[in-house]
Protein backbone atom coordinates (compact mmCIF):
# COMPACT_ATOMS: atom_id res chain seq x y z
CA MET A 1 54.71 117.80 -21.33
CA ASN A 2 57.60 118.73 -19.15
CA ALA A 3 60.42 119.62 -21.58
CA ARG A 4 63.51 121.18 -20.11
CA ARG A 5 67.22 121.19 -20.11
CA GLY A 6 68.44 119.63 -16.91
CA LYS A 7 67.56 116.79 -14.57
CA PRO A 8 64.22 115.06 -15.32
CA GLU A 9 61.50 114.74 -12.76
CA LYS A 10 59.46 111.56 -12.34
CA ALA A 11 56.07 113.25 -12.36
CA VAL A 12 54.33 115.66 -14.68
CA ASN A 13 51.59 117.96 -13.38
CA GLY A 14 51.08 115.81 -10.28
CA SER A 15 50.65 112.57 -12.23
CA LYS A 16 53.17 110.00 -13.36
CA ALA A 17 54.71 110.48 -16.77
CA VAL A 18 53.81 107.99 -19.49
CA ALA A 19 57.40 108.18 -20.70
CA VAL A 20 60.71 109.52 -19.45
CA LEU A 21 62.86 110.53 -22.42
CA ARG A 22 66.30 112.05 -22.91
CA LEU A 23 67.17 113.65 -26.22
CA TYR A 24 70.85 114.21 -26.90
CA VAL A 25 71.47 116.98 -29.45
CA ALA A 26 74.45 118.89 -30.83
CA GLY A 27 73.65 122.55 -30.37
CA ASP A 28 71.61 124.10 -33.16
CA ALA A 29 72.59 121.62 -35.86
CA PRO A 30 69.70 121.17 -38.33
CA ASN A 31 69.03 117.52 -37.42
CA SER A 32 69.11 118.39 -33.71
CA VAL A 33 66.62 121.23 -34.15
CA GLN A 34 64.33 118.95 -36.19
CA ALA A 35 64.59 116.18 -33.58
CA VAL A 36 63.54 118.59 -30.81
CA LEU A 37 60.53 119.76 -32.84
CA ASN A 38 59.56 116.18 -33.71
CA ILE A 39 59.78 114.78 -30.17
CA GLU A 40 57.95 117.78 -28.71
CA ALA A 41 55.11 117.15 -31.20
CA ILE A 42 55.03 113.44 -30.33
CA CYS A 43 54.95 114.21 -26.59
CA ARG A 44 52.17 116.73 -27.10
CA ASP A 45 50.05 114.90 -29.69
CA ASP A 46 50.60 111.21 -28.93
CA LEU A 47 51.42 111.19 -25.21
CA GLY A 48 48.90 113.85 -24.23
CA GLY A 49 51.64 115.90 -22.62
CA ALA A 50 52.36 113.19 -20.02
CA CYS A 51 55.99 113.07 -21.07
CA ASP A 52 59.09 113.92 -19.09
CA LEU A 53 61.55 115.10 -21.73
CA GLU A 54 65.10 116.17 -20.97
CA ILE A 55 67.11 117.77 -23.77
CA ILE A 56 70.89 117.45 -23.37
CA ASP A 57 73.24 119.45 -25.57
CA VAL A 58 76.35 117.30 -25.91
CA LEU A 59 78.41 120.34 -26.88
CA GLN A 60 77.76 121.76 -23.42
CA HIS A 61 77.66 118.46 -21.51
CA PRO A 62 79.87 115.92 -23.32
CA GLN A 63 80.36 113.90 -20.13
CA ARG A 64 76.62 113.14 -19.99
CA ALA A 65 76.69 111.79 -23.53
CA MET A 66 79.73 109.66 -22.78
CA ALA A 67 78.14 108.29 -19.61
CA ALA A 68 75.01 107.34 -21.57
CA GLY A 69 77.01 105.76 -24.39
CA VAL A 70 75.77 108.30 -26.93
CA VAL A 71 78.17 108.69 -29.86
CA VAL A 72 75.80 110.09 -32.51
CA THR A 73 73.36 112.97 -32.30
CA PRO A 74 70.49 113.35 -32.26
CA THR A 75 69.79 110.33 -30.07
CA LEU A 76 66.60 109.72 -28.10
CA ASN A 77 66.81 107.45 -25.06
CA LYS A 78 63.67 106.10 -23.43
CA ASP A 79 64.37 105.44 -19.77
CA TYR A 80 60.82 104.69 -18.63
CA PRO A 81 58.83 102.52 -18.96
CA LEU A 82 61.15 99.55 -19.24
CA PRO A 83 62.63 98.15 -21.35
CA THR A 84 64.83 101.05 -22.32
CA ALA A 85 65.11 101.96 -26.00
CA GLN A 86 67.14 104.21 -28.25
CA VAL A 87 66.36 105.95 -31.54
CA VAL A 88 69.02 107.72 -33.57
CA GLY A 89 68.20 110.41 -36.11
CA ASN A 90 65.96 113.45 -36.43
CA LEU A 91 62.89 111.45 -35.28
CA SER A 92 60.95 112.21 -38.45
CA ASP A 93 59.77 108.59 -38.67
CA LYS A 94 56.98 108.99 -36.13
CA LEU A 95 55.89 105.34 -36.23
CA ARG A 96 59.45 104.17 -35.51
CA VAL A 97 59.65 106.53 -32.52
CA LEU A 98 56.25 105.43 -31.16
CA LEU A 99 57.26 101.77 -31.50
CA ALA A 100 60.56 102.41 -29.73
CA ILE A 101 58.97 104.20 -26.80
CA GLY A 102 56.26 101.57 -26.50
CA ILE A 103 53.27 103.70 -27.40
CA ARG A 104 52.47 101.63 -30.48
CA SER A 105 53.02 97.97 -31.10
CA PRO A 106 53.75 96.29 -34.44
CA GLU A 107 50.43 94.44 -34.19
CA ASN A 108 48.53 97.75 -34.27
CA ASP A 109 49.85 98.60 -37.72
């Protein structure tokens, strides 16, 4: 997994990422901290680390949140693969997150 604060790259460890994700958080708010922990676990355990995760603190970069249309934090945006998707909340509902990012399908459950 390539988790960082800043601009995402399109490749992870020389191979293409399975998913390109942006997580918008509000500093160290409890739900934001939980969302970071939850998405890092999903990237590690369910995506095998082939995840390009960018964490954006809207308190430090409000213009990025506005440009992305994010009005509530935490918000996870999936930019790749298409179609794009968005999940709002602390990402504790793992199945909902996996469905949104296209790793699981409703037929599998």
